[in-house]
C-alpha atoms as a PDB file:
ATOM      1  CA  MET A   1       5.057  -9.325   3.547  1.00  0.00           C
ATOM      2  CA  THR A   2       2.958 -11.857   1.681  1.00  0.00           C
ATOM      3  CA  ALA A   3      -0.126 -10.847  -0.248  1.00  0.00           C
ATOM      4  CA  SER A   4      -2.392 -13.109   1.801  1.00  0.00           C
ATOM      5  CA  ILE A   5      -1.337 -11.309   4.968  1.00  0.00           C
ATOM      6  CA  ARG A   6      -1.786  -7.813   3.610  1.00  0.00           C
ATOM      7  CA  SER A   7      -5.202  -8.427   2.119  1.00  0.00           C
ATOM      8  CA  ARG A   8      -6.998  -8.880   5.434  1.00  0.00           C
ATOM      9  CA  THR A   9      -8.992  -5.941   6.765  1.00  0.00           C
ATOM     10  CA  LEU A  10      -9.559  -4.015   9.965  1.00  0.00           C
ATOM     11  CA  ALA A  11     -12.723  -5.908  10.840  1.00  0.00           C
ATOM     12  CA  VAL A  12     -10.971  -9.300  10.787  1.00  0.00           C
ATOM     13  CA  LEU A  13      -8.890 -10.837  13.559  1.00  0.00           C
ATOM     14  CA  THR A  14      -6.844 -13.955  13.048  1.00  0.00           C
ATOM     15  CA  ALA A  15      -7.331 -16.762  15.532  1.00  0.00           C
ATOM     16  CA  THR A  16      -3.793 -16.204  16.739  1.00  0.00           C
ATOM     17  CA  ALA A  17      -4.340 -12.513  17.377  1.00  0.00           C
ATOM     18  CA  LEU A  18      -7.573 -13.193  19.246  1.00  0.00           C
ATOM     19  CA  MET A  19      -5.975 -15.882  21.369  1.00  0.00           C
ATOM     20  CA  CYS A  20      -3.109 -13.553  22.222  1.00  0.00           C
ATOM     21  CA  ALA A  21      -5.551 -10.834  23.165  1.00  0.00           C
ATOM     22  CA  LEU A  22      -7.498 -13.124  25.486  1.00  0.00           C
ATOM     23  CA  LEU A  23      -4.646 -15.036  27.075  1.00  0.00           C
ATOM     24  CA  THR A  24      -1.710 -12.588  26.660  1.00  0.00           C
ATOM     25  CA  ALA A  25       0.434 -15.697  26.409  1.00  0.00           C
ATOM     26  CA  CYS A  26       1.995 -14.711  23.120  1.00  0.00           C
ATOM     27  CA  GLY A  27       4.290 -12.234  24.779  1.00  0.00           C
ATOM     28  CA  GLY A  28       3.393 -10.859  28.146  1.00  0.00           C
ATOM     29  CA  SER A  29       6.356  -8.518  28.365  1.00  0.00           C
ATOM     30  CA  SER A  30       7.771  -5.895  26.044  1.00  0.00           C
ATOM     31  CA  GLY A  31      10.938  -7.723  25.136  1.00  0.00           C
ATOM     32  CA  GLY A  32      13.404 -10.144  26.594  1.00  0.00           C
ATOM     33  CA  SER A  33      15.584  -7.692  28.506  1.00  0.00           C
ATOM     34  CA  ASP A  34      15.959  -4.098  29.562  1.00  0.00           C
ATOM     35  CA  ASN A  35      17.915  -3.523  26.358  1.00  0.00           C
ATOM     36  CA  SER A  36      15.195  -4.838  24.063  1.00  0.00           C
ATOM     37  CA  ILE A  37      11.961  -3.604  22.502  1.00  0.00           C
ATOM     38  CA  THR A  38       9.163  -5.357  20.630  1.00  0.00           C
ATOM     39  CA  LEU A  39       8.069  -3.966  17.285  1.00  0.00           C
ATOM     40  CA  PHE A  40       4.663  -4.824  15.868  1.00  0.00           C
ATOM     41  CA  ASN A  41       5.361  -4.474  12.170  1.00  0.00           C
ATOM     42  CA  GLY A  42       2.752  -3.932   9.465  1.00  0.00           C
ATOM     43  CA  GLN A  43       5.270  -2.455   7.047  1.00  0.00           C
ATOM     44  CA  HIS A  44       7.137  -4.299   4.307  1.00  0.00           C
ATOM     45  CA  VAL A  45       9.363  -6.849   6.007  1.00  0.00           C
ATOM     46  CA  GLN A  46      12.436  -6.210   3.863  1.00  0.00           C
ATOM     47  CA  THR A  47      12.534  -2.495   4.612  1.00  0.00           C
ATOM     48  CA  THR A  48      11.787  -3.013   8.290  1.00  0.00           C
ATOM     49  CA  ASN A  49      14.580  -5.551   8.584  1.00  0.00           C
ATOM     50  CA  GLU A  50      17.064  -3.074   7.097  1.00  0.00           C
ATOM     51  CA  LEU A  51      15.942  -0.354   9.501  1.00  0.00           C
ATOM     52  CA  VAL A  52      16.041  -2.664  12.498  1.00  0.00           C
ATOM     53  CA  ALA A  53      19.516  -3.960  11.675  1.00  0.00           C
ATOM     54  CA  ALA A  54      20.890  -0.419  11.389  1.00  0.00           C
ATOM     55  CA  PHE A  55      19.161   0.687  14.598  1.00  0.00           C
ATOM     56  CA  GLU A  56      20.498  -2.297  16.544  1.00  0.00           C
ATOM     57  CA  LYS A  57      24.011  -1.658  15.266  1.00  0.00           C
ATOM     58  CA  GLN A  58      23.830   2.041  16.158  1.00  0.00           C
ATOM     59  CA  THR A  59      22.249   1.711  19.601  1.00  0.00           C
ATOM     60  CA  GLY A  60      22.837  -1.817  20.867  1.00  0.00           C
ATOM     61  CA  ILE A  61      19.097  -2.115  21.522  1.00  0.00           C
ATOM     62  CA  HIS A  62      17.648  -5.414  20.315  1.00  0.00           C
ATOM     63  CA  VAL A  63      14.352  -5.278  18.410  1.00  0.00           C
ATOM     64  CA  ASN A  64      11.971  -8.251  18.508  1.00  0.00           C
ATOM     65  CA  VAL A  65       9.948  -7.984  15.294  1.00  0.00           C
ATOM     66  CA  ARG A  66       6.457  -9.427  14.917  1.00  0.00           C
ATOM     67  CA  SER A  67       5.074  -8.914  11.422  1.00  0.00           C
ATOM     68  CA  ASP A  68       1.465  -9.279  10.322  1.00  0.00           C
ATOM     69  CA  ASP A  69      -1.256  -7.326   8.568  1.00  0.00           C
ATOM     70  CA  GLU A  70      -1.376  -3.856  10.116  1.00  0.00           C
ATOM     71  CA  ASN A  71      -5.101  -4.059  10.836  1.00  0.00           C
ATOM     72  CA  VAL A  72      -4.767  -7.420  12.571  1.00  0.00           C
ATOM     73  CA  LEU A  73      -1.986  -5.963  14.714  1.00  0.00           C
ATOM     74  CA  ALA A  74      -3.998  -2.818  15.504  1.00  0.00           C
ATOM     75  CA  ASN A  75      -6.943  -4.922  16.622  1.00  0.00           C
ATOM     76  CA  GLN A  76      -4.681  -7.074  18.763  1.00  0.00           C
ATOM     77  CA  ILE A  77      -3.213  -3.994  20.442  1.00  0.00           C
ATOM     78  CA  ALA A  78      -6.677  -2.582  21.072  1.00  0.00           C
ATOM     79  CA  LEU A  79      -7.931  -5.846  22.584  1.00  0.00           C
ATOM     80  CA  GLN A  80      -4.886  -6.348  24.784  1.00  0.00           C
ATOM     81  CA  GLY A  81      -4.776  -2.752  25.976  1.00  0.00           C
ATOM     82  CA  GLN A  82      -2.312  -2.344  28.826  1.00  0.00           C
ATOM     83  CA  ASN A  83      -1.240  -5.987  28.412  1.00  0.00           C
ATOM     84  CA  SER A  84       0.051  -5.524  24.878  1.00  0.00           C
ATOM     85  CA  PRO A  85       3.594  -6.825  24.411  1.00  0.00           C
ATOM     86  CA  ALA A  86       4.234  -4.168  21.751  1.00  0.00           C
ATOM     87  CA  ASP A  87       6.476  -1.196  22.394  1.00  0.00           C
ATOM     88  CA  VAL A  88       6.313   0.260  18.876  1.00  0.00           C
ATOM     89  CA  PHE A  89       3.746  -0.085  16.073  1.00  0.00           C
ATOM     90  CA  PHE A  90       4.971   0.496  12.501  1.00  0.00           C
ATOM     91  CA  THR A  91       2.397   0.589   9.696  1.00  0.00           C
ATOM     92  CA  GLU A  92       2.038   0.882   5.923  1.00  0.00           C
ATOM     93  CA  ASN A  93      -0.888   3.289   6.226  1.00  0.00           C
ATOM     94  CA  SER A  94      -2.221   5.881   8.653  1.00  0.00           C
ATOM     95  CA  PRO A  95      -5.743   4.528   9.463  1.00  0.00           C
ATOM     96  CA  PRO A  96      -4.586   1.797  11.908  1.00  0.00           C
ATOM     97  CA  LEU A  97      -2.600   4.418  13.820  1.00  0.00           C
ATOM     98  CA  GLU A  98      -5.583   6.755  13.908  1.00  0.00           C
ATOM     99  CA  PHE A  99      -7.694   3.836  15.156  1.00  0.00           C
ATOM    100  CA  LEU A 100      -5.361   3.407  18.147  1.00  0.00           C
ATOM    101  CA  SER A 101      -5.027   7.154  18.657  1.00  0.00           C
ATOM    102  CA  GLU A 102      -8.800   7.431  19.034  1.00  0.00           C
ATOM    103  CA  LYS A 103      -8.570   4.813  21.784  1.00  0.00           C
ATOM    104  CA  HIS A 104      -5.855   6.861  23.562  1.00  0.00           C
ATOM    105  CA  LEU A 105      -3.380   3.985  23.426  1.00  0.00           C
ATOM    106  CA  LEU A 106      -0.416   5.902  21.991  1.00  0.00           C
ATOM    107  CA  SER A 107       2.295   7.928  23.712  1.00  0.00           C
ATOM    108  CA  ALA A 108       3.074  11.492  22.701  1.00  0.00           C
ATOM    109  CA  VAL A 109       5.939  11.833  20.230  1.00  0.00           C
ATOM    110  CA  PRO A 110       8.672  14.191  21.502  1.00  0.00           C
ATOM    111  CA  SER A 111       8.733  17.469  19.597  1.00  0.00           C
ATOM    112  CA  SER A 112      12.362  16.899  18.600  1.00  0.00           C
ATOM    113  CA  THR A 113      11.277  13.761  16.731  1.00  0.00           C
ATOM    114  CA  PHE A 114       7.881  14.953  15.533  1.00  0.00           C
ATOM    115  CA  GLY A 115       9.425  18.005  13.901  1.00  0.00           C
ATOM    116  CA  GLN A 116      11.721  16.010  11.639  1.00  0.00           C
ATOM    117  CA  VAL A 117       9.075  15.473   8.960  1.00  0.00           C
ATOM    118  CA  PRO A 118       6.291  17.752   7.645  1.00  0.00           C
ATOM    119  CA  SER A 119       3.589  17.875  10.309  1.00  0.00           C
ATOM    120  CA  GLN A 120       0.704  17.600   7.817  1.00  0.00           C
ATOM    121  CA  TYR A 121       1.548  13.931   7.291  1.00  0.00           C
ATOM    122  CA  SER A 122       1.604  13.002  10.987  1.00  0.00           C
ATOM    123  CA  SER A 123      -0.956  12.715  13.765  1.00  0.00           C
ATOM    124  CA  PRO A 124      -2.938  15.873  14.556  1.00  0.00           C
ATOM    125  CA  GLN A 125      -2.720  14.712  18.192  1.00  0.00           C
ATOM    126  CA  LYS A 126       1.060  14.251  17.869  1.00  0.00           C
ATOM    127  CA  ASP A 127       0.909  10.677  19.156  1.00  0.00           C
ATOM    128  CA  TRP A 128       2.222   9.029  15.982  1.00  0.00           C
ATOM    129  CA  MET A 129       4.451  10.254  13.205  1.00  0.00           C
ATOM    130  CA  ALA A 130       4.825   9.785   9.478  1.00  0.00           C
ATOM    131  CA  VAL A 131       7.892   7.895   8.309  1.00  0.00           C
ATOM    132  CA  SER A 132       7.541   7.581   4.524  1.00  0.00           C
ATOM    133  CA  GLY A 133       5.068   8.303   1.748  1.00  0.00           C
ATOM    134  CA  ARG A 134       3.555   6.784  -1.380  1.00  0.00           C
ATOM    135  CA  VAL A 135       1.243   8.083  -4.066  1.00  0.00           C
ATOM    136  CA  SER A 136      -1.593   6.445  -5.970  1.00  0.00           C
ATOM    137  CA  VAL A 137      -1.122   6.011  -9.723  1.00  0.00           C
ATOM    138  CA  LEU A 138      -2.643   4.180 -12.650  1.00  0.00           C
ATOM    139  CA  VAL A 139      -0.583   1.290 -13.988  1.00  0.00           C
ATOM    140  CA  PHE A 140      -1.459   0.420 -17.589  1.00  0.00           C
ATOM    141  CA  ASN A 141      -0.370  -1.692 -20.505  1.00  0.00           C
ATOM    142  CA  PRO A 142      -0.197   0.577 -23.586  1.00  0.00           C
ATOM    143  CA  SER A 143      -0.658  -2.397 -25.923  1.00  0.00           C
ATOM    144  CA  LEU A 144      -4.138  -2.881 -24.422  1.00  0.00           C
ATOM    145  CA  ILE A 145      -5.125   0.680 -23.576  1.00  0.00           C
ATOM    146  CA  PRO A 146      -3.217   3.814 -24.665  1.00  0.00           C
ATOM    147  CA  ALA A 147      -2.605   6.577 -22.176  1.00  0.00           C
ATOM    148  CA  SER A 148      -4.996   8.854 -24.055  1.00  0.00           C
ATOM    149  CA  GLN A 149      -7.891   6.494 -23.251  1.00  0.00           C
ATOM    150  CA  LEU A 150      -7.240   6.254 -19.516  1.00  0.00           C
ATOM    151  CA  PRO A 151      -9.543   8.042 -17.081  1.00  0.00           C
ATOM    152  CA  THR A 152      -8.148  11.261 -15.634  1.00  0.00           C
ATOM    153  CA  SER A 153     -10.406  11.100 -12.563  1.00  0.00           C
ATOM    154  CA  VAL A 154     -10.938   8.267 -10.113  1.00  0.00           C
ATOM    155  CA  LEU A 155     -14.674   8.547 -10.792  1.00  0.00           C
ATOM    156  CA  GLY A 156     -13.913   7.617 -14.392  1.00  0.00           C
ATOM    157  CA  LEU A 157     -13.019   4.085 -13.280  1.00  0.00           C
ATOM    158  CA  ALA A 158     -16.779   3.519 -13.091  1.00  0.00           C
ATOM    159  CA  ASP A 159     -17.360   4.269 -16.782  1.00  0.00           C
ATOM    160  CA  PRO A 160     -18.876   1.141 -18.417  1.00  0.00           C
ATOM    161  CA  LYS A 161     -16.391   1.435 -21.281  1.00  0.00           C
ATOM    162  CA  TYR A 162     -13.735   0.057 -18.901  1.00  0.00           C
ATOM    163  CA  LYS A 163     -15.615  -3.163 -18.189  1.00  0.00           C
ATOM    164  CA  GLY A 164     -13.161  -6.033 -18.476  1.00  0.00           C
ATOM    165  CA  LYS A 165     -10.206  -3.647 -18.722  1.00  0.00           C
ATOM    166  CA  LEU A 166      -9.914  -2.632 -15.055  1.00  0.00           C
ATOM    167  CA  ALA A 167      -8.164  -4.581 -12.291  1.00  0.00           C
ATOM    168  CA  LEU A 168      -8.529  -3.925  -8.557  1.00  0.00           C
ATOM    169  CA  ALA A 169      -7.115  -5.309  -5.313  1.00  0.00           C
ATOM    170  CA  PRO A 170      -9.830  -3.989  -2.969  1.00  0.00           C
ATOM    171  CA  GLY A 171      -8.695  -6.027   0.020  1.00  0.00           C
ATOM    172  CA  GLU A 172      -5.353  -4.208   0.136  1.00  0.00           C
ATOM    173  CA  THR A 173      -5.183  -1.662   2.950  1.00  0.00           C
ATOM    174  CA  ASP A 174      -3.610   0.750   0.437  1.00  0.00           C
ATOM    175  CA  PHE A 175      -7.008   1.026  -1.258  1.00  0.00           C
ATOM    176  CA  GLN A 176      -8.848   2.246   1.837  1.00  0.00           C
ATOM    177  CA  PRO A 177      -7.387   5.805   1.884  1.00  0.00           C
ATOM    178  CA  ILE A 178      -8.460   6.236  -1.748  1.00  0.00           C
ATOM    179  CA  VAL A 179     -12.005   5.193  -0.860  1.00  0.00           C
ATOM    180  CA  THR A 180     -11.955   7.590   2.100  1.00  0.00           C
ATOM    181  CA  SER A 181     -10.779  10.395  -0.168  1.00  0.00           C
ATOM    182  CA  VAL A 182     -13.644   9.737  -2.605  1.00  0.00           C
ATOM    183  CA  LEU A 183     -16.027   9.570   0.353  1.00  0.00           C
ATOM    184  CA  HIS A 184     -14.805  12.908   1.672  1.00  0.00           C
ATOM    185  CA  ALA A 185     -15.261  14.530  -1.737  1.00  0.00           C
ATOM    186  CA  TYR A 186     -18.578  13.019  -2.816  1.00  0.00           C
ATOM    187  CA  GLY A 187     -20.393  11.531   0.194  1.00  0.00           C
ATOM    188  CA  GLN A 188     -21.499   7.994   1.058  1.00  0.00           C
ATOM    189  CA  ALA A 189     -24.239   7.448  -1.530  1.00  0.00           C
ATOM    190  CA  ARG A 190     -22.108   8.434  -4.502  1.00  0.00           C
ATOM    191  CA  THR A 191     -19.081   6.564  -3.159  1.00  0.00           C
ATOM    192  CA  LEU A 192     -21.088   3.377  -2.715  1.00  0.00           C
ATOM    193  CA  ALA A 193     -22.471   3.664  -6.237  1.00  0.00           C
ATOM    194  CA  TRP A 194     -18.939   4.208  -7.532  1.00  0.00           C
ATOM    195  CA  LEU A 195     -17.658   1.140  -5.690  1.00  0.00           C
ATOM    196  CA  LYS A 196     -20.432  -1.030  -7.123  1.00  0.00           C
ATOM    197  CA  ALA A 197     -19.678   0.243 -10.616  1.00  0.00           C
ATOM    198  CA  ILE A 198     -15.942  -0.381 -10.421  1.00  0.00           C
ATOM    199  CA  LYS A 199     -16.641  -3.842  -9.031  1.00  0.00           C
ATOM    200  CA  ALA A 200     -18.680  -4.555 -12.160  1.00  0.00           C
ATOM    201  CA  ASN A 201     -15.943  -3.170 -14.403  1.00  0.00           C
ATOM    202  CA  ALA A 202     -13.277  -5.249 -12.665  1.00  0.00           C
ATOM    203  CA  ALA A 203     -15.263  -8.503 -12.753  1.00  0.00           C
ATOM    204  CA  GLY A 204     -12.786 -11.272 -13.479  1.00  0.00           C
ATOM    205  CA  HIS A 205      -9.909  -9.100 -12.292  1.00  0.00           C
ATOM    206  CA  LEU A 206     -10.687  -8.595  -8.592  1.00  0.00           C
ATOM    207  CA  LEU A 207      -7.322  -9.623  -7.226  1.00  0.00           C
ATOM    208  CA  SER A 208      -5.956 -10.465  -3.799  1.00  0.00           C
ATOM    209  CA  ASP A 209      -2.987  -8.119  -3.847  1.00  0.00           C
ATOM    210  CA  ASN A 210      -1.287  -5.322  -5.740  1.00  0.00           C
ATOM    211  CA  GLU A 211       1.709  -7.453  -6.693  1.00  0.00           C
ATOM    212  CA  THR A 212      -0.595  -9.677  -8.721  1.00  0.00           C
ATOM    213  CA  LEU A 213      -2.360  -6.639 -10.164  1.00  0.00           C
ATOM    214  CA  VAL A 214       0.796  -4.968 -11.421  1.00  0.00           C
ATOM    215  CA  SER A 215       2.099  -8.278 -12.772  1.00  0.00           C
ATOM    216  CA  ASP A 216      -1.149  -9.012 -14.624  1.00  0.00           C
ATOM    217  CA  VAL A 217      -1.153  -5.565 -16.213  1.00  0.00           C
ATOM    218  CA  ASN A 218       2.477  -5.935 -17.202  1.00  0.00           C
ATOM    219  CA  ARG A 219       1.846  -9.361 -18.770  1.00  0.00           C
ATOM    220  CA  GLY A 220      -1.098  -8.073 -20.776  1.00  0.00           C
ATOM    221  CA  LEU A 221      -3.779  -9.994 -18.884  1.00  0.00           C
ATOM    222  CA  VAL A 222      -5.730  -6.798 -18.123  1.00  0.00           C
ATOM    223  CA  GLY A 223      -5.511  -3.195 -19.287  1.00  0.00           C
ATOM    224  CA  PHE A 224      -4.976  -1.072 -16.179  1.00  0.00           C
ATOM    225  CA  GLY A 225      -5.429  -0.704 -12.433  1.00  0.00           C
ATOM    226  CA  LEU A 226      -5.047   1.652  -9.496  1.00  0.00           C
ATOM    227  CA  ILE A 227      -2.061   1.091  -7.188  1.00  0.00           C
ATOM    228  CA  ASN A 228       0.531   2.921  -5.138  1.00  0.00           C
ATOM    229  CA  GLN A 229       3.543   3.767  -7.257  1.00  0.00           C
ATOM    230  CA  TYR A 230       6.061   1.645  -5.382  1.00  0.00           C
ATOM    231  CA  TYR A 231       4.539  -1.647  -6.546  1.00  0.00           C
ATOM    232  CA  TRP A 232       5.470  -0.844 -10.130  1.00  0.00           C
ATOM    233  CA  TYR A 233       9.028   0.210  -9.261  1.00  0.00           C
ATOM    234  CA  ARG A 234       9.529  -2.909  -7.174  1.00  0.00           C
ATOM    235  CA  MET A 235       8.305  -5.108 -10.030  1.00  0.00           C
ATOM    236  CA  ARG A 236      10.654  -3.352 -12.461  1.00  0.00           C
ATOM    237  CA  SER A 237      13.572  -3.926 -10.113  1.00  0.00           C
ATOM    238  CA  GLU A 238      12.701  -7.606  -9.717  1.00  0.00           C
ATOM    239  CA  ILE A 239      12.116  -8.547 -13.374  1.00  0.00           C
ATOM    240  CA  GLY A 240      14.432  -6.083 -15.123  1.00  0.00           C
ATOM    241  CA  VAL A 241      13.667  -3.123 -17.361  1.00  0.00           C
ATOM    242  CA  SER A 242      13.631  -5.226 -20.531  1.00  0.00           C
ATOM    243  CA  ALA A 243      10.710  -7.291 -19.179  1.00  0.00           C
ATOM    244  CA  VAL A 244       8.577  -4.255 -18.323  1.00  0.00           C
ATOM    245  CA  HIS A 245       5.712  -3.713 -20.758  1.00  0.00           C
ATOM    246  CA  SER A 246       3.618  -1.422 -18.568  1.00  0.00           C
ATOM    247  CA  GLN A 247       3.765   2.227 -17.535  1.00  0.00           C
ATOM    248  CA  ILE A 248       2.396   4.370 -14.723  1.00  0.00           C
ATOM    249  CA  THR A 249       0.702   7.751 -14.803  1.00  0.00           C
ATOM    250  CA  HIS A 250      -0.995  10.075 -12.319  1.00  0.00           C
ATOM    251  CA  LEU A 251      -4.622  11.095 -12.281  1.00  0.00           C
ATOM    252  CA  ALA A 252      -5.481  14.773 -12.766  1.00  0.00           C
ATOM    253  CA  PRO A 253      -3.980  17.149 -10.181  1.00  0.00           C
ATOM    254  CA  ARG A 254      -6.016  17.315  -6.942  1.00  0.00           C
ATOM    255  CA  ASP A 255      -8.314  14.491  -8.025  1.00  0.00           C
ATOM    256  CA  PRO A 256      -9.722  12.531  -5.045  1.00  0.00           C
ATOM    257  CA  GLY A 257      -8.028   9.405  -6.389  1.00  0.00           C
ATOM    258  CA  TYR A 258      -4.614  11.100  -6.378  1.00  0.00           C
ATOM    259  CA  VAL A 259      -3.704  10.443  -2.757  1.00  0.00           C
ATOM    260  CA  ILE A 260      -0.539  10.719  -0.718  1.00  0.00           C
ATOM    261  CA  ASP A 261      -0.582   7.831   1.724  1.00  0.00           C
ATOM    262  CA  VAL A 262       1.868   7.665   4.622  1.00  0.00           C
ATOM    263  CA  SER A 263       3.524   4.942   6.574  1.00  0.00           C
ATOM    264  CA  GLY A 264       3.844   5.813  10.245  1.00  0.00           C
ATOM    265  CA  ALA A 265       4.976   4.668  13.663  1.00  0.00           C
ATOM    266  CA  ALA A 266       3.992   5.127  17.284  1.00  0.00           C
ATOM    267  CA  VAL A 267       5.040   4.135  20.783  1.00  0.00           C
ATOM    268  CA  LEU A 268       2.398   2.378  22.859  1.00  0.00           C
ATOM    269  CA  LYS A 269       1.433   3.920  26.214  1.00  0.00           C
ATOM    270  CA  SER A 270       1.633   0.420  27.679  1.00  0.00           C
ATOM    271  CA  SER A 271       5.299   0.053  26.702  1.00  0.00           C
ATOM    272  CA  LYS A 272       7.645  -0.635  29.615  1.00  0.00           C
ATOM    273  CA  HIS A 273      10.545   0.663  27.517  1.00  0.00           C
ATOM    274  CA  GLN A 274       9.433   4.152  26.618  1.00  0.00           C
ATOM    275  CA  ALA A 275      12.890   5.683  26.211  1.00  0.00           C
ATOM    276  CA  ASP A 276      14.237   2.944  23.941  1.00  0.00           C
ATOM    277  CA  ALA A 277      10.995   2.828  21.962  1.00  0.00           C
ATOM    278  CA  GLN A 278      11.154   6.581  21.384  1.00  0.00           C
ATOM    279  CA  ARG A 279      14.756   6.172  20.242  1.00  0.00           C
ATOM    280  CA  PHE A 280      13.521   3.800  17.562  1.00  0.00           C
ATOM    281  CA  LEU A 281      10.951   6.360  16.387  1.00  0.00           C
ATOM    282  CA  ALA A 282      13.656   9.014  16.261  1.00  0.00           C
ATOM    283  CA  PHE A 283      15.877   6.695  14.227  1.00  0.00           C
ATOM    284  CA  LEU A 284      13.154   6.112  11.629  1.00  0.00           C
ATOM    285  CA  VAL A 285      13.100   9.821  10.758  1.00  0.00           C
ATOM    286  CA  SER A 286      16.830  10.434  11.226  1.00  0.00           C
ATOM    287  CA  LYS A 287      19.010  10.972   8.184  1.00  0.00           C
ATOM    288  CA  LYS A 288      20.315   7.417   8.462  1.00  0.00           C
ATOM    289  CA  GLY A 289      16.839   5.913   8.707  1.00  0.00           C
ATOM    290  CA  GLN A 290      15.427   8.009   5.899  1.00  0.00           C
ATOM    291  CA  GLU A 291      18.347   7.173   3.609  1.00  0.00           C
ATOM    292  CA  ILE A 292      17.664   3.477   4.199  1.00  0.00           C
ATOM    293  CA  ILE A 293      14.063   4.067   3.115  1.00  0.00           C
ATOM    294  CA  ALA A 294      15.188   6.109   0.108  1.00  0.00           C
ATOM    295  CA  HIS A 295      17.420   3.299  -1.155  1.00  0.00           C
ATOM    296  CA  SER A 296      15.403   0.292  -0.041  1.00  0.00           C
ATOM    297  CA  SER A 297      13.459  -2.134  -2.204  1.00  0.00           C
ATOM    298  CA  SER A 298      10.180  -0.614  -0.988  1.00  0.00           C
ATOM    299  CA  TYR A 299      10.579   2.445  -3.273  1.00  0.00           C
ATOM    300  CA  GLU A 300       8.727   4.688  -0.833  1.00  0.00           C
ATOM    301  CA  TYR A 301       9.347   8.396  -0.504  1.00  0.00           C
ATOM    302  CA  PRO A 302      11.471   9.549   2.436  1.00  0.00           C
ATOM    303  CA  LEU A 303       9.948  12.557   4.192  1.00  0.00           C
ATOM    304  CA  LEU A 304      13.030  14.129   5.784  1.00  0.00           C
ATOM    305  CA  ALA A 305      14.109  17.287   3.968  1.00  0.00           C
ATOM    306  CA  GLY A 306      17.241  16.772   1.897  1.00  0.00           C
ATOM    307  CA  VAL A 307      16.868  13.003   1.487  1.00  0.00           C
ATOM    308  CA  LYS A 308      15.902  12.133  -2.084  1.00  0.00           C
ATOM    309  CA  ALA A 309      13.873   9.163  -3.286  1.00  0.00           C
ATOM    310  CA  TYR A 310      14.869   6.765  -6.056  1.00  0.00           C
ATOM    311  CA  SER A 311      15.928   9.017  -8.933  1.00  0.00           C
ATOM    312  CA  ALA A 312      13.528   7.542 -11.515  1.00  0.00           C
ATOM    313  CA  GLU A 313      10.458   8.464  -9.482  1.00  0.00           C
ATOM    314  CA  THR A 314       8.601  11.749  -9.826  1.00  0.00           C
ATOM    315  CA  PRO A 315      10.116  13.980  -7.121  1.00  0.00           C
ATOM    316  CA  PHE A 316       7.889  14.183  -4.064  1.00  0.00           C
ATOM    317  CA  SER A 317       7.856  17.984  -4.316  1.00  0.00           C
ATOM    318  CA  GLN A 318       6.351  17.774  -7.818  1.00  0.00           C
ATOM    319  CA  LEU A 319       3.370  15.622  -6.888  1.00  0.00           C
ATOM    320  CA  GLN A 320      -0.057  17.280  -7.051  1.00  0.00           C
ATOM    321  CA  PRO A 321      -2.308  15.132  -4.846  1.00  0.00           C
ATOM    322  CA  ASN A 322      -5.719  15.746  -3.396  1.00  0.00           C
ATOM    323  CA  SER A 323      -5.512  17.980  -0.337  1.00  0.00           C
ATOM    324  CA  ILE A 324      -7.229  15.553   2.061  1.00  0.00           C
ATOM    325  CA  ASN A 325      -5.412  15.564   5.388  1.00  0.00           C
ATOM    326  CA  ILE A 326      -4.587  12.870   7.926  1.00  0.00           C
ATOM    327  CA  ASP A 327      -7.460  13.840  10.197  1.00  0.00           C
ATOM    328  CA  GLU A 328      -9.886  13.518   7.288  1.00  0.00           C
ATOM    329  CA  LEU A 329      -8.452  10.133   6.301  1.00  0.00           C
ATOM    330  CA  GLY A 330      -9.273   9.012   9.828  1.00  0.00           C
ATOM    331  CA  ASP A 331      -9.326   5.367  10.858  1.00  0.00           C
ATOM    332  CA  GLY A 332     -10.785   4.021   7.612  1.00  0.00           C
ATOM    333  CA  ALA A 333     -13.789   2.398   9.305  1.00  0.00           C
ATOM    334  CA  THR A 334     -16.403   3.976   7.011  1.00  0.00           C
ATOM    335  CA  ALA A 335     -14.395   3.056   3.922  1.00  0.00           C
ATOM    336  CA  ILE A 336     -14.302  -0.568   5.067  1.00  0.00           C
ATOM    337  CA  LYS A 337     -18.068  -0.596   5.645  1.00  0.00           C
ATOM    338  CA  LEU A 338     -18.682   0.779   2.158  1.00  0.00           C
ATOM    339  CA  LEU A 339     -16.317  -1.770   0.614  1.00  0.00           C
ATOM    340  CA  GLN A 340     -18.241  -4.486   2.409  1.00  0.00           C
ATOM    341  CA  GLN A 341     -21.605  -3.096   1.276  1.00  0.00           C
ATOM    342  CA  ALA A 342     -20.339  -3.033  -2.308  1.00  0.00           C
ATOM    343  CA  GLY A 343     -19.269  -6.655  -2.045  1.00  0.00           C
ATOM    344  CA  LEU A 344     -15.599  -5.841  -2.481  1.00  0.00           C
ATOM    345  CA  LEU A 345     -14.608  -7.257   0.926  1.00  0.00           C
END
């Protein structure tokens, strides 16, 4: 998925999405035949395409994929309601799913599917389920800033000594759960002050996407930034180990900036193909689906027990993130408002 697509936020609808919502002419049915489903995809296109191809081969069910920013898609689903052409919604992050859950637009996930992954990462209402995970890390260039000089807490990003050294991609939806975690730990006033301070520190390096951020750090254009770990592994795979001049490290255990973020999926209540749509959900958390995620170019963590992530990554079981739960992460609306108030969106 391109950076320009991912950087849009929950409050923004594209003209296309709005037109579809008003006219329902962009797909009035949930697929072209009884053996077809429509997937609204906010996940990385490459990984989704691998999953879809394997699912189609295994089941014979065709999947019509429509990819866009997850928040644009969530807004389109909410506006269209029962007229949504989507059968399944697949996201990078949990807030868009929680947004639709609060509007009672999602079908219950069967217990046989829901129980495949740890329940703490899925919907408290059991109407969407986690598929994969990522973790926030600092990416840094040791030639510009040694590891010993990095902040160990997310609040430390606001220290004036990092002015000109910090890079951020605040429009990325991956950043919203981190803001929500800080908000949950410290309240709105302190979170807003923190956002304004990190904006000042990142002046000149407020970037449109995390791919640019990790590339700029690696090329020595800026000292460090806050990302999800998979961006760094994907860059390393693309440019080769010999061209990597950056490293990643975690914040202190349990710090509010040390967040496990989950990708998830749900079946829409409005779907006319409930059985086939639920089969797709079940496939995503099956051994086959989780192995595709484990070995895909997305470098996300599979959540099914016994399926291991890319060997170079810190094992999922050894991570020590903040204990904020899915319910507390919510729909991200307050985080977006604070980002807007701080001038970061």
